[in-house]
Protein backbone atom coordinates (compact mmCIF):
# COMPACT_ATOMS: atom_id res chain seq x y z
CA UNK A 1 0.00 0.00 0.00
CA UNK A 2 1.44 3.37 -1.02
CA UNK A 3 1.72 6.40 1.18
CA UNK A 4 -0.45 9.44 0.55
CA UNK A 5 -0.53 12.87 2.04
CA UNK A 6 -3.76 13.55 3.87
CA UNK A 7 -4.73 16.34 1.46
CA UNK A 8 -4.15 14.06 -1.55
CA UNK A 9 -6.18 11.28 0.03
CA UNK A 10 -9.08 13.65 0.72
CA UNK A 11 -8.94 15.07 -2.83
CA UNK A 12 -8.97 11.55 -4.30
CA UNK A 13 -11.91 10.59 -2.10
CA UNK A 14 -13.89 13.70 -3.05
CA UNK A 15 -13.21 13.24 -6.77
CA UNK A 16 -14.77 9.77 -6.58
CA UNK A 17 -17.51 10.73 -4.13
CA UNK A 18 -20.95 12.26 -4.55
CA UNK A 19 -19.91 14.85 -1.94
CA UNK A 20 -17.73 16.65 -4.49
CA UNK A 21 -20.42 19.09 -5.69
CA UNK A 22 -21.49 19.91 -2.14
CA UNK A 23 -17.92 20.70 -1.15
CA UNK A 24 -17.43 22.84 -4.25
CA UNK A 25 -20.65 24.72 -3.52
CA UNK A 26 -19.36 25.52 -0.03
CA UNK A 27 -16.04 26.66 -1.51
CA UNK A 28 -17.91 28.92 -3.94
CA UNK A 29 -20.05 30.31 -1.10
CA UNK A 30 -16.85 31.17 0.77
CA UNK A 31 -15.57 33.32 -2.13
CA UNK A 32 -18.97 34.45 -3.48
CA UNK A 33 -18.72 37.94 -1.93
CA UNK A 34 -15.24 38.41 -3.38
CA UNK A 35 -16.37 37.20 -6.81
CA UNK A 36 -19.70 39.03 -7.08
CA UNK A 37 -19.59 41.81 -4.48
CA UNK A 38 -21.24 42.45 -1.12
CA UNK A 39 -24.69 43.42 -2.40
CA UNK A 40 -25.20 40.33 -4.56
CA UNK A 41 -23.78 38.08 -1.84
CA UNK A 42 -26.12 39.63 0.73
CA UNK A 43 -29.23 38.78 -1.29
CA UNK A 44 -28.15 35.33 -2.50
CA UNK A 45 -30.08 32.76 -0.47
CA UNK A 46 -28.43 29.52 -1.59
CA UNK A 47 -25.82 28.17 -4.02
CA UNK A 48 -25.86 24.61 -5.31
CA UNK A 49 -23.96 22.65 -7.98
CA UNK A 50 -25.54 19.82 -9.93
CA UNK A 51 -23.71 18.33 -12.94
CA UNK A 52 -21.49 21.38 -13.58
CA UNK A 53 -24.49 23.71 -13.33
CA UNK A 54 -24.44 26.40 -10.65
CA UNK A 55 -27.88 27.07 -9.19
CA UNK A 56 -28.25 30.45 -7.54
CA UNK A 57 -31.30 31.08 -5.38
CA UNK A 58 -32.54 34.56 -4.55
CA UNK A 59 -35.94 36.05 -3.74
CA UNK A 60 -35.07 39.49 -5.13
CA UNK A 61 -36.58 39.96 -8.61
CA UNK A 62 -34.23 42.67 -9.91
CA UNK A 63 -31.21 40.66 -8.74
CA UNK A 64 -32.45 37.64 -10.71
CA UNK A 65 -32.49 39.78 -13.85
CA UNK A 66 -29.01 41.16 -13.14
CA UNK A 67 -27.62 37.67 -12.57
CA UNK A 68 -29.20 36.44 -15.83
CA UNK A 69 -27.36 39.19 -17.71
CA UNK A 70 -24.09 38.22 -15.98
CA UNK A 71 -24.21 34.44 -16.56
CA UNK A 72 -21.05 34.33 -18.71
CA UNK A 73 -19.19 36.53 -16.22
CA UNK A 74 -20.30 34.37 -13.29
CA UNK A 75 -19.07 31.20 -15.02
CA UNK A 76 -15.74 32.81 -15.84
CA UNK A 77 -15.19 34.25 -12.34
CA UNK A 78 -16.20 31.09 -10.48
CA UNK A 79 -14.00 28.86 -12.63
CA UNK A 80 -11.10 31.27 -12.24
CA UNK A 81 -11.54 31.41 -8.46
CA UNK A 82 -11.74 27.62 -8.22
CA UNK A 83 -8.73 27.12 -10.52
CA UNK A 84 -10.62 24.58 -12.64
CA UNK A 85 -13.62 24.36 -14.96
CA UNK A 86 -16.06 23.64 -12.15
CA UNK A 87 -19.21 25.01 -13.79
CA UNK A 88 -20.40 25.35 -17.37
CA UNK A 89 -23.88 26.82 -16.84
CA UNK A 90 -25.78 28.99 -14.38
CA UNK A 91 -29.47 28.76 -13.47
CA UNK A 92 -31.13 31.50 -11.43
CA UNK A 93 -34.09 30.65 -9.16
PDB file of N, CA and C in Angstrom:
ATOM      1  N   UNK A   1       0.851  -1.171   0.000  1.00  0.00           N
ATOM      2  CA  UNK A   1       0.000   0.000   0.000  1.00  0.00           C
ATOM      3  C   UNK A   1       0.898   1.236   0.000  1.00  0.00           C
ATOM      4  N   UNK A   2       0.628   2.172  -0.916  1.00  0.00           N
ATOM      5  CA  UNK A   2       1.438   3.370  -1.017  1.00  0.00           C
ATOM      6  C   UNK A   2       1.075   4.395   0.034  1.00  0.00           C
ATOM      7  N   UNK A   3       1.968   5.333   0.222  1.00  0.00           N
ATOM      8  CA  UNK A   3       1.717   6.398   1.179  1.00  0.00           C
ATOM      9  C   UNK A   3       1.142   7.605   0.458  1.00  0.00           C
ATOM     10  N   UNK A   4       0.178   8.243   1.088  1.00  0.00           N
ATOM     11  CA  UNK A   4      -0.451   9.443   0.553  1.00  0.00           C
ATOM     12  C   UNK A   4      -0.415  10.536   1.607  1.00  0.00           C
ATOM     13  N   UNK A   5      -0.338  11.751   1.134  1.00  0.00           N
ATOM     14  CA  UNK A   5      -0.535  12.871   2.037  1.00  0.00           C
ATOM     15  C   UNK A   5      -2.024  12.956   2.330  1.00  0.00           C
ATOM     16  N   UNK A   6      -2.362  13.463   3.475  1.00  0.00           N
ATOM     17  CA  UNK A   6      -3.763  13.548   3.874  1.00  0.00           C
ATOM     18  C   UNK A   6      -4.572  14.364   2.865  1.00  0.00           C
ATOM     19  N   UNK A   7      -4.031  15.488   2.435  1.00  0.00           N
ATOM     20  CA  UNK A   7      -4.729  16.335   1.461  1.00  0.00           C
ATOM     21  C   UNK A   7      -4.985  15.606   0.155  1.00  0.00           C
ATOM     22  N   UNK A   8      -3.986  14.835  -0.310  1.00  0.00           N
ATOM     23  CA  UNK A   8      -4.152  14.065  -1.550  1.00  0.00           C
ATOM     24  C   UNK A   8      -5.205  12.981  -1.383  1.00  0.00           C
ATOM     25  N   UNK A   9      -5.204  12.335  -0.237  1.00  0.00           N
ATOM     26  CA  UNK A   9      -6.184  11.282   0.029  1.00  0.00           C
ATOM     27  C   UNK A   9      -7.601  11.860   0.054  1.00  0.00           C
ATOM     28  N   UNK A  10      -7.765  13.018   0.671  1.00  0.00           N
ATOM     29  CA  UNK A  10      -9.083  13.654   0.725  1.00  0.00           C
ATOM     30  C   UNK A  10      -9.525  14.074  -0.670  1.00  0.00           C
ATOM     31  N   UNK A  11      -8.620  14.673  -1.455  1.00  0.00           N
ATOM     32  CA  UNK A  11      -8.939  15.073  -2.826  1.00  0.00           C
ATOM     33  C   UNK A  11      -9.363  13.868  -3.665  1.00  0.00           C
ATOM     34  N   UNK A  12      -8.626  12.768  -3.554  1.00  0.00           N
ATOM     35  CA  UNK A  12      -8.970  11.551  -4.298  1.00  0.00           C
ATOM     36  C   UNK A  12     -10.340  11.033  -3.887  1.00  0.00           C
ATOM     37  N   UNK A  13     -10.611  11.039  -2.595  1.00  0.00           N
ATOM     38  CA  UNK A  13     -11.909  10.594  -2.102  1.00  0.00           C
ATOM     39  C   UNK A  13     -13.031  11.472  -2.653  1.00  0.00           C
ATOM     40  N   UNK A  14     -12.853  12.792  -2.589  1.00  0.00           N
ATOM     41  CA  UNK A  14     -13.893  13.705  -3.051  1.00  0.00           C
ATOM     42  C   UNK A  14     -14.122  13.595  -4.555  1.00  0.00           C
ATOM     43  N   UNK A  15     -13.058  13.372  -5.325  1.00  0.00           N
ATOM     44  CA  UNK A  15     -13.209  13.236  -6.770  1.00  0.00           C
ATOM     45  C   UNK A  15     -14.052  12.023  -7.139  1.00  0.00           C
ATOM     46  N   UNK A  16     -14.019  10.993  -6.309  1.00  0.00           N
ATOM     47  CA  UNK A  16     -14.768   9.775  -6.579  1.00  0.00           C
ATOM     48  C   UNK A  16     -16.106   9.740  -5.847  1.00  0.00           C
ATOM     49  N   UNK A  17     -16.355  10.717  -5.020  1.00  0.00           N
ATOM     50  CA  UNK A  17     -17.511  10.726  -4.134  1.00  0.00           C
ATOM     51  C   UNK A  17     -18.624  11.627  -4.669  1.00  0.00           C
ATOM     52  N   UNK A  18     -19.830  11.391  -4.204  1.00  0.00           N
ATOM     53  CA  UNK A  18     -20.953  12.263  -4.548  1.00  0.00           C
ATOM     54  C   UNK A  18     -20.942  13.547  -3.712  1.00  0.00           C
ATOM     55  N   UNK A  19     -20.039  13.653  -2.768  1.00  0.00           N
ATOM     56  CA  UNK A  19     -19.911  14.852  -1.937  1.00  0.00           C
ATOM     57  C   UNK A  19     -19.192  15.992  -2.657  1.00  0.00           C
ATOM     58  N   UNK A  20     -18.566  15.689  -3.779  1.00  0.00           N
ATOM     59  CA  UNK A  20     -17.729  16.647  -4.494  1.00  0.00           C
ATOM     60  C   UNK A  20     -18.466  17.952  -4.797  1.00  0.00           C
ATOM     61  N   UNK A  21     -19.688  17.872  -5.342  1.00  0.00           N
ATOM     62  CA  UNK A  21     -20.422  19.088  -5.687  1.00  0.00           C
ATOM     63  C   UNK A  21     -20.809  19.888  -4.451  1.00  0.00           C
ATOM     64  N   UNK A  22     -21.150  19.211  -3.373  1.00  0.00           N
ATOM     65  CA  UNK A  22     -21.488  19.910  -2.139  1.00  0.00           C
ATOM     66  C   UNK A  22     -20.299  20.673  -1.580  1.00  0.00           C
ATOM     67  N   UNK A  23     -19.139  20.048  -1.628  1.00  0.00           N
ATOM     68  CA  UNK A  23     -17.920  20.695  -1.146  1.00  0.00           C
ATOM     69  C   UNK A  23     -17.579  21.890  -2.030  1.00  0.00           C
ATOM     70  N   UNK A  24     -17.707  21.718  -3.339  1.00  0.00           N
ATOM     71  CA  UNK A  24     -17.425  22.841  -4.249  1.00  0.00           C
ATOM     72  C   UNK A  24     -18.410  23.982  -4.033  1.00  0.00           C
ATOM     73  N   UNK A  25     -19.667  23.671  -3.776  1.00  0.00           N
ATOM     74  CA  UNK A  25     -20.654  24.718  -3.517  1.00  0.00           C
ATOM     75  C   UNK A  25     -20.263  25.516  -2.275  1.00  0.00           C
ATOM     76  N   UNK A  26     -19.803  24.835  -1.248  1.00  0.00           N
ATOM     77  CA  UNK A  26     -19.356  25.520  -0.028  1.00  0.00           C
ATOM     78  C   UNK A  26     -18.132  26.380  -0.334  1.00  0.00           C
ATOM     79  N   UNK A  27     -17.212  25.864  -1.144  1.00  0.00           N
ATOM     80  CA  UNK A  27     -16.042  26.656  -1.514  1.00  0.00           C
ATOM     81  C   UNK A  27     -16.455  27.912  -2.276  1.00  0.00           C
ATOM     82  N   UNK A  28     -17.427  27.767  -3.178  1.00  0.00           N
ATOM     83  CA  UNK A  28     -17.906  28.924  -3.936  1.00  0.00           C
ATOM     84  C   UNK A  28     -18.592  29.914  -3.002  1.00  0.00           C
ATOM     85  N   UNK A  29     -19.392  29.423  -2.066  1.00  0.00           N
ATOM     86  CA  UNK A  29     -20.047  30.310  -1.100  1.00  0.00           C
ATOM     87  C   UNK A  29     -19.019  31.115  -0.309  1.00  0.00           C
ATOM     88  N   UNK A  30     -17.887  30.489  -0.007  1.00  0.00           N
ATOM     89  CA  UNK A  30     -16.845  31.172   0.766  1.00  0.00           C
ATOM     90  C   UNK A  30     -16.208  32.324  -0.001  1.00  0.00           C
ATOM     91  N   UNK A  31     -16.178  32.248  -1.331  1.00  0.00           N
ATOM     92  CA  UNK A  31     -15.570  33.318  -2.133  1.00  0.00           C
ATOM     93  C   UNK A  31     -16.609  34.113  -2.923  1.00  0.00           C
ATOM     94  N   UNK A  32     -17.892  33.818  -2.715  1.00  0.00           N
ATOM     95  CA  UNK A  32     -18.967  34.450  -3.478  1.00  0.00           C
ATOM     96  C   UNK A  32     -18.956  35.971  -3.348  1.00  0.00           C
ATOM     97  N   UNK A  33     -18.758  36.486  -2.133  1.00  0.00           N
ATOM     98  CA  UNK A  33     -18.723  37.935  -1.935  1.00  0.00           C
ATOM     99  C   UNK A  33     -17.550  38.565  -2.678  1.00  0.00           C
ATOM    100  N   UNK A  34     -16.414  37.902  -2.671  1.00  0.00           N
ATOM    101  CA  UNK A  34     -15.241  38.412  -3.380  1.00  0.00           C
ATOM    102  C   UNK A  34     -15.486  38.405  -4.890  1.00  0.00           C
ATOM    103  N   UNK A  35     -16.125  37.347  -5.376  1.00  0.00           N
ATOM    104  CA  UNK A  35     -16.367  37.204  -6.810  1.00  0.00           C
ATOM    105  C   UNK A  35     -17.420  38.188  -7.302  1.00  0.00           C
ATOM    106  N   UNK A  36     -18.541  38.294  -6.575  1.00  0.00           N
ATOM    107  CA  UNK A  36     -19.696  39.035  -7.079  1.00  0.00           C
ATOM    108  C   UNK A  36     -19.992  40.345  -6.352  1.00  0.00           C
ATOM    109  N   UNK A  37     -19.361  40.574  -5.212  1.00  0.00           N
ATOM    110  CA  UNK A  37     -19.589  41.812  -4.482  1.00  0.00           C
ATOM    111  C   UNK A  37     -20.531  41.616  -3.297  1.00  0.00           C
ATOM    112  N   UNK A  38     -20.482  42.559  -2.370  1.00  0.00           N
ATOM    113  CA  UNK A  38     -21.244  42.448  -1.116  1.00  0.00           C
ATOM    114  C   UNK A  38     -22.754  42.450  -1.326  1.00  0.00           C
ATOM    115  N   UNK A  39     -23.247  43.304  -2.212  1.00  0.00           N
ATOM    116  CA  UNK A  39     -24.691  43.421  -2.399  1.00  0.00           C
ATOM    117  C   UNK A  39     -25.293  42.133  -2.939  1.00  0.00           C
ATOM    118  N   UNK A  40     -24.692  41.584  -3.981  1.00  0.00           N
ATOM    119  CA  UNK A  40     -25.196  40.335  -4.558  1.00  0.00           C
ATOM    120  C   UNK A  40     -25.080  39.210  -3.537  1.00  0.00           C
ATOM    121  N   UNK A  41     -23.974  39.134  -2.842  1.00  0.00           N
ATOM    122  CA  UNK A  41     -23.785  38.081  -1.836  1.00  0.00           C
ATOM    123  C   UNK A  41     -24.820  38.190  -0.720  1.00  0.00           C
ATOM    124  N   UNK A  42     -25.159  39.408  -0.351  1.00  0.00           N
ATOM    125  CA  UNK A  42     -26.119  39.625   0.731  1.00  0.00           C
ATOM    126  C   UNK A  42     -27.502  39.076   0.384  1.00  0.00           C
ATOM    127  N   UNK A  43     -27.883  39.184  -0.873  1.00  0.00           N
ATOM    128  CA  UNK A  43     -29.227  38.777  -1.289  1.00  0.00           C
ATOM    129  C   UNK A  43     -29.271  37.416  -1.989  1.00  0.00           C
ATOM    130  N   UNK A  44     -28.161  36.698  -1.983  1.00  0.00           N
ATOM    131  CA  UNK A  44     -28.147  35.333  -2.499  1.00  0.00           C
ATOM    132  C   UNK A  44     -28.516  34.403  -1.350  1.00  0.00           C
ATOM    133  N   UNK A  45     -29.586  33.631  -1.540  1.00  0.00           N
ATOM    134  CA  UNK A  45     -30.079  32.761  -0.475  1.00  0.00           C
ATOM    135  C   UNK A  45     -29.337  31.432  -0.403  1.00  0.00           C
ATOM    136  N   UNK A  46     -29.023  30.862  -1.566  1.00  0.00           N
ATOM    137  CA  UNK A  46     -28.429  29.524  -1.591  1.00  0.00           C
ATOM    138  C   UNK A  46     -27.672  29.331  -2.899  1.00  0.00           C
ATOM    139  N   UNK A  47     -26.597  28.540  -2.841  1.00  0.00           N
ATOM    140  CA  UNK A  47     -25.824  28.169  -4.019  1.00  0.00           C
ATOM    141  C   UNK A  47     -25.698  26.655  -4.020  1.00  0.00           C
ATOM    142  N   UNK A  48     -25.916  26.064  -5.191  1.00  0.00           N
ATOM    143  CA  UNK A  48     -25.865  24.610  -5.306  1.00  0.00           C
ATOM    144  C   UNK A  48     -25.249  24.246  -6.658  1.00  0.00           C
ATOM    145  N   UNK A  49     -24.512  23.136  -6.717  1.00  0.00           N
ATOM    146  CA  UNK A  49     -23.960  22.651  -7.975  1.00  0.00           C
ATOM    147  C   UNK A  49     -24.515  21.265  -8.262  1.00  0.00           C
ATOM    148  N   UNK A  50     -25.069  21.118  -9.462  1.00  0.00           N
ATOM    149  CA  UNK A  50     -25.537  19.818  -9.926  1.00  0.00           C
ATOM    150  C   UNK A  50     -25.053  19.655 -11.357  1.00  0.00           C
ATOM    151  N   UNK A  51     -24.229  18.636 -11.594  1.00  0.00           N
ATOM    152  CA  UNK A  51     -23.715  18.332 -12.940  1.00  0.00           C
ATOM    153  C   UNK A  51     -23.132  19.550 -13.656  1.00  0.00           C
ATOM    154  N   UNK A  52     -22.186  20.213 -13.029  1.00  0.00           N
ATOM    155  CA  UNK A  52     -21.487  21.378 -13.583  1.00  0.00           C
ATOM    156  C   UNK A  52     -22.397  22.576 -13.829  1.00  0.00           C
ATOM    157  N   UNK A  53     -23.581  22.568 -13.235  1.00  0.00           N
ATOM    158  CA  UNK A  53     -24.487  23.707 -13.325  1.00  0.00           C
ATOM    159  C   UNK A  53     -24.587  24.347 -11.951  1.00  0.00           C
ATOM    160  N   UNK A  54     -24.348  25.649 -11.898  1.00  0.00           N
ATOM    161  CA  UNK A  54     -24.436  26.402 -10.653  1.00  0.00           C
ATOM    162  C   UNK A  54     -25.853  26.955 -10.529  1.00  0.00           C
ATOM    163  N   UNK A  55     -26.538  26.565  -9.479  1.00  0.00           N
ATOM    164  CA  UNK A  55     -27.882  27.066  -9.194  1.00  0.00           C
ATOM    165  C   UNK A  55     -27.766  28.144  -8.128  1.00  0.00           C
ATOM    166  N   UNK A  56     -28.282  29.314  -8.445  1.00  0.00           N
ATOM    167  CA  UNK A  56     -28.245  30.454  -7.536  1.00  0.00           C
ATOM    168  C   UNK A  56     -29.683  30.785  -7.160  1.00  0.00           C
ATOM    169  N   UNK A  57     -29.959  30.801  -5.873  1.00  0.00           N
ATOM    170  CA  UNK A  57     -31.303  31.075  -5.383  1.00  0.00           C
ATOM    171  C   UNK A  57     -31.340  32.450  -4.730  1.00  0.00           C
ATOM    172  N   UNK A  58     -32.318  33.256  -5.150  1.00  0.00           N
ATOM    173  CA  UNK A  58     -32.544  34.563  -4.554  1.00  0.00           C
ATOM    174  C   UNK A  58     -34.029  34.902  -4.659  1.00  0.00           C
ATOM    175  N   UNK A  59     -34.533  35.651  -3.714  1.00  0.00           N
ATOM    176  CA  UNK A  59     -35.940  36.048  -3.735  1.00  0.00           C
ATOM    177  C   UNK A  59     -36.114  37.480  -4.232  1.00  0.00           C
ATOM    178  N   UNK A  60     -35.036  38.099  -4.676  1.00  0.00           N
ATOM    179  CA  UNK A  60     -35.066  39.488  -5.132  1.00  0.00           C
ATOM    180  C   UNK A  60     -35.166  39.510  -6.663  1.00  0.00           C
ATOM    181  N   UNK A  61     -36.318  39.950  -7.167  1.00  0.00           N
ATOM    182  CA  UNK A  61     -36.578  39.957  -8.610  1.00  0.00           C
ATOM    183  C   UNK A  61     -35.539  40.696  -9.448  1.00  0.00           C
ATOM    184  N   UNK A  62     -35.218  41.947  -9.115  1.00  0.00           N
ATOM    185  CA  UNK A  62     -34.228  42.673  -9.914  1.00  0.00           C
ATOM    186  C   UNK A  62     -32.845  41.997  -9.911  1.00  0.00           C
ATOM    187  N   UNK A  63     -32.497  41.362  -8.801  1.00  0.00           N
ATOM    188  CA  UNK A  63     -31.214  40.656  -8.737  1.00  0.00           C
ATOM    189  C   UNK A  63     -31.220  39.453  -9.673  1.00  0.00           C
ATOM    190  N   UNK A  64     -32.344  38.771  -9.768  1.00  0.00           N
ATOM    191  CA  UNK A  64     -32.455  37.643 -10.708  1.00  0.00           C
ATOM    192  C   UNK A  64     -32.152  38.112 -12.122  1.00  0.00           C
ATOM    193  N   UNK A  65     -32.727  39.242 -12.515  1.00  0.00           N
ATOM    194  CA  UNK A  65     -32.486  39.782 -13.852  1.00  0.00           C
ATOM    195  C   UNK A  65     -31.011  40.138 -14.045  1.00  0.00           C
ATOM    196  N   UNK A  66     -30.424  40.781 -13.059  1.00  0.00           N
ATOM    197  CA  UNK A  66     -29.009  41.162 -13.142  1.00  0.00           C
ATOM    198  C   UNK A  66     -28.123  39.929 -13.285  1.00  0.00           C
ATOM    199  N   UNK A  67     -28.415  38.892 -12.498  1.00  0.00           N
ATOM    200  CA  UNK A  67     -27.617  37.666 -12.571  1.00  0.00           C
ATOM    201  C   UNK A  67     -27.790  36.970 -13.919  1.00  0.00           C
ATOM    202  N   UNK A  68     -28.980  37.027 -14.496  1.00  0.00           N
ATOM    203  CA  UNK A  68     -29.203  36.444 -15.826  1.00  0.00           C
ATOM    204  C   UNK A  68     -28.322  37.128 -16.868  1.00  0.00           C
ATOM    205  N   UNK A  69     -28.198  38.452 -16.775  1.00  0.00           N
ATOM    206  CA  UNK A  69     -27.359  39.188 -17.706  1.00  0.00           C
ATOM    207  C   UNK A  69     -25.873  38.876 -17.506  1.00  0.00           C
ATOM    208  N   UNK A  70     -25.489  38.462 -16.306  1.00  0.00           N
ATOM    209  CA  UNK A  70     -24.087  38.224 -15.976  1.00  0.00           C
ATOM    210  C   UNK A  70     -23.685  36.742 -16.007  1.00  0.00           C
ATOM    211  N   UNK A  71     -24.485  35.876 -16.591  1.00  0.00           N
ATOM    212  CA  UNK A  71     -24.211  34.435 -16.555  1.00  0.00           C
ATOM    213  C   UNK A  71     -22.795  34.092 -17.035  1.00  0.00           C
ATOM    214  N   UNK A  72     -22.390  34.637 -18.174  1.00  0.00           N
ATOM    215  CA  UNK A  72     -21.054  34.329 -18.709  1.00  0.00           C
ATOM    216  C   UNK A  72     -19.968  34.811 -17.759  1.00  0.00           C
ATOM    217  N   UNK A  73     -20.162  35.982 -17.165  1.00  0.00           N
ATOM    218  CA  UNK A  73     -19.185  36.530 -16.225  1.00  0.00           C
ATOM    219  C   UNK A  73     -19.112  35.679 -14.964  1.00  0.00           C
ATOM    220  N   UNK A  74     -20.267  35.214 -14.485  1.00  0.00           N
ATOM    221  CA  UNK A  74     -20.299  34.366 -13.289  1.00  0.00           C
ATOM    222  C   UNK A  74     -19.527  33.076 -13.549  1.00  0.00           C
ATOM    223  N   UNK A  75     -19.771  32.445 -14.681  1.00  0.00           N
ATOM    224  CA  UNK A  75     -19.074  31.200 -15.020  1.00  0.00           C
ATOM    225  C   UNK A  75     -17.570  31.435 -15.049  1.00  0.00           C
ATOM    226  N   UNK A  76     -17.165  32.497 -15.720  1.00  0.00           N
ATOM    227  CA  UNK A  76     -15.736  32.813 -15.837  1.00  0.00           C
ATOM    228  C   UNK A  76     -15.100  33.075 -14.470  1.00  0.00           C
ATOM    229  N   UNK A  77     -15.754  33.889 -13.649  1.00  0.00           N
ATOM    230  CA  UNK A  77     -15.194  34.252 -12.339  1.00  0.00           C
ATOM    231  C   UNK A  77     -15.130  33.056 -11.381  1.00  0.00           C
ATOM    232  N   UNK A  78     -16.185  32.250 -11.372  1.00  0.00           N
ATOM    233  CA  UNK A  78     -16.200  31.089 -10.477  1.00  0.00           C
ATOM    234  C   UNK A  78     -15.115  30.099 -10.886  1.00  0.00           C
ATOM    235  N   UNK A  79     -15.023  29.801 -12.165  1.00  0.00           N
ATOM    236  CA  UNK A  79     -14.000  28.862 -12.631  1.00  0.00           C
ATOM    237  C   UNK A  79     -12.597  29.379 -12.357  1.00  0.00           C
ATOM    238  N   UNK A  80     -12.406  30.679 -12.531  1.00  0.00           N
ATOM    239  CA  UNK A  80     -11.099  31.274 -12.239  1.00  0.00           C
ATOM    240  C   UNK A  80     -10.776  31.174 -10.750  1.00  0.00           C
ATOM    241  N   UNK A  81     -11.753  31.470  -9.907  1.00  0.00           N
ATOM    242  CA  UNK A  81     -11.539  31.412  -8.458  1.00  0.00           C
ATOM    243  C   UNK A  81     -11.275  29.997  -7.978  1.00  0.00           C
ATOM    244  N   UNK A  82     -11.900  29.019  -8.618  1.00  0.00           N
ATOM    245  CA  UNK A  82     -11.738  27.619  -8.221  1.00  0.00           C
ATOM    246  C   UNK A  82     -10.503  26.991  -8.860  1.00  0.00           C
ATOM    247  N   UNK A  83      -9.924  27.637  -9.873  1.00  0.00           N
ATOM    248  CA  UNK A  83      -8.729  27.121 -10.518  1.00  0.00           C
ATOM    249  C   UNK A  83      -8.992  25.908 -11.396  1.00  0.00           C
ATOM    250  N   UNK A  84     -10.245  25.738 -11.822  1.00  0.00           N
ATOM    251  CA  UNK A  84     -10.621  24.580 -12.639  1.00  0.00           C
ATOM    252  C   UNK A  84     -11.968  24.896 -13.281  1.00  0.00           C
ATOM    253  N   UNK A  85     -12.313  24.155 -14.327  1.00  0.00           N
ATOM    254  CA  UNK A  85     -13.622  24.358 -14.962  1.00  0.00           C
ATOM    255  C   UNK A  85     -14.662  23.602 -14.155  1.00  0.00           C
ATOM    256  N   UNK A  86     -15.135  24.242 -13.108  1.00  0.00           N
ATOM    257  CA  UNK A  86     -16.064  23.640 -12.149  1.00  0.00           C
ATOM    258  C   UNK A  86     -17.492  23.713 -12.660  1.00  0.00           C
ATOM    259  N   UNK A  87     -17.851  24.841 -13.296  1.00  0.00           N
ATOM    260  CA  UNK A  87     -19.215  25.008 -13.791  1.00  0.00           C
ATOM    261  C   UNK A  87     -19.209  25.378 -15.276  1.00  0.00           C
ATOM    262  N   UNK A  88     -20.274  25.001 -15.958  1.00  0.00           N
ATOM    263  CA  UNK A  88     -20.401  25.352 -17.368  1.00  0.00           C
ATOM    264  C   UNK A  88     -21.721  26.062 -17.657  1.00  0.00           C
ATOM    265  N   UNK A  89     -22.606  26.130 -16.666  1.00  0.00           N
ATOM    266  CA  UNK A  89     -23.885  26.816 -16.845  1.00  0.00           C
ATOM    267  C   UNK A  89     -24.342  27.386 -15.505  1.00  0.00           C
ATOM    268  N   UNK A  90     -25.226  28.380 -15.578  1.00  0.00           N
ATOM    269  CA  UNK A  90     -25.780  28.995 -14.384  1.00  0.00           C
ATOM    270  C   UNK A  90     -27.294  29.058 -14.538  1.00  0.00           C
ATOM    271  N   UNK A  91     -28.006  28.666 -13.490  1.00  0.00           N
ATOM    272  CA  UNK A  91     -29.467  28.758 -13.465  1.00  0.00           C
ATOM    273  C   UNK A  91     -29.839  29.602 -12.251  1.00  0.00           C
ATOM    274  N   UNK A  92     -30.713  30.581 -12.498  1.00  0.00           N
ATOM    275  CA  UNK A  92     -31.133  31.497 -11.432  1.00  0.00           C
ATOM    276  C   UNK A  92     -32.557  31.128 -11.007  1.00  0.00           C
ATOM    277  N   UNK A  93     -32.753  30.930  -9.717  1.00  0.00           N
ATOM    278  CA  UNK A  93     -34.091  30.648  -9.158  1.00  0.00           C
ATOM    279  C   UNK A  93     -34.460  31.735  -8.188  1.00  0.00           C
TER     280      UNK A  93
END
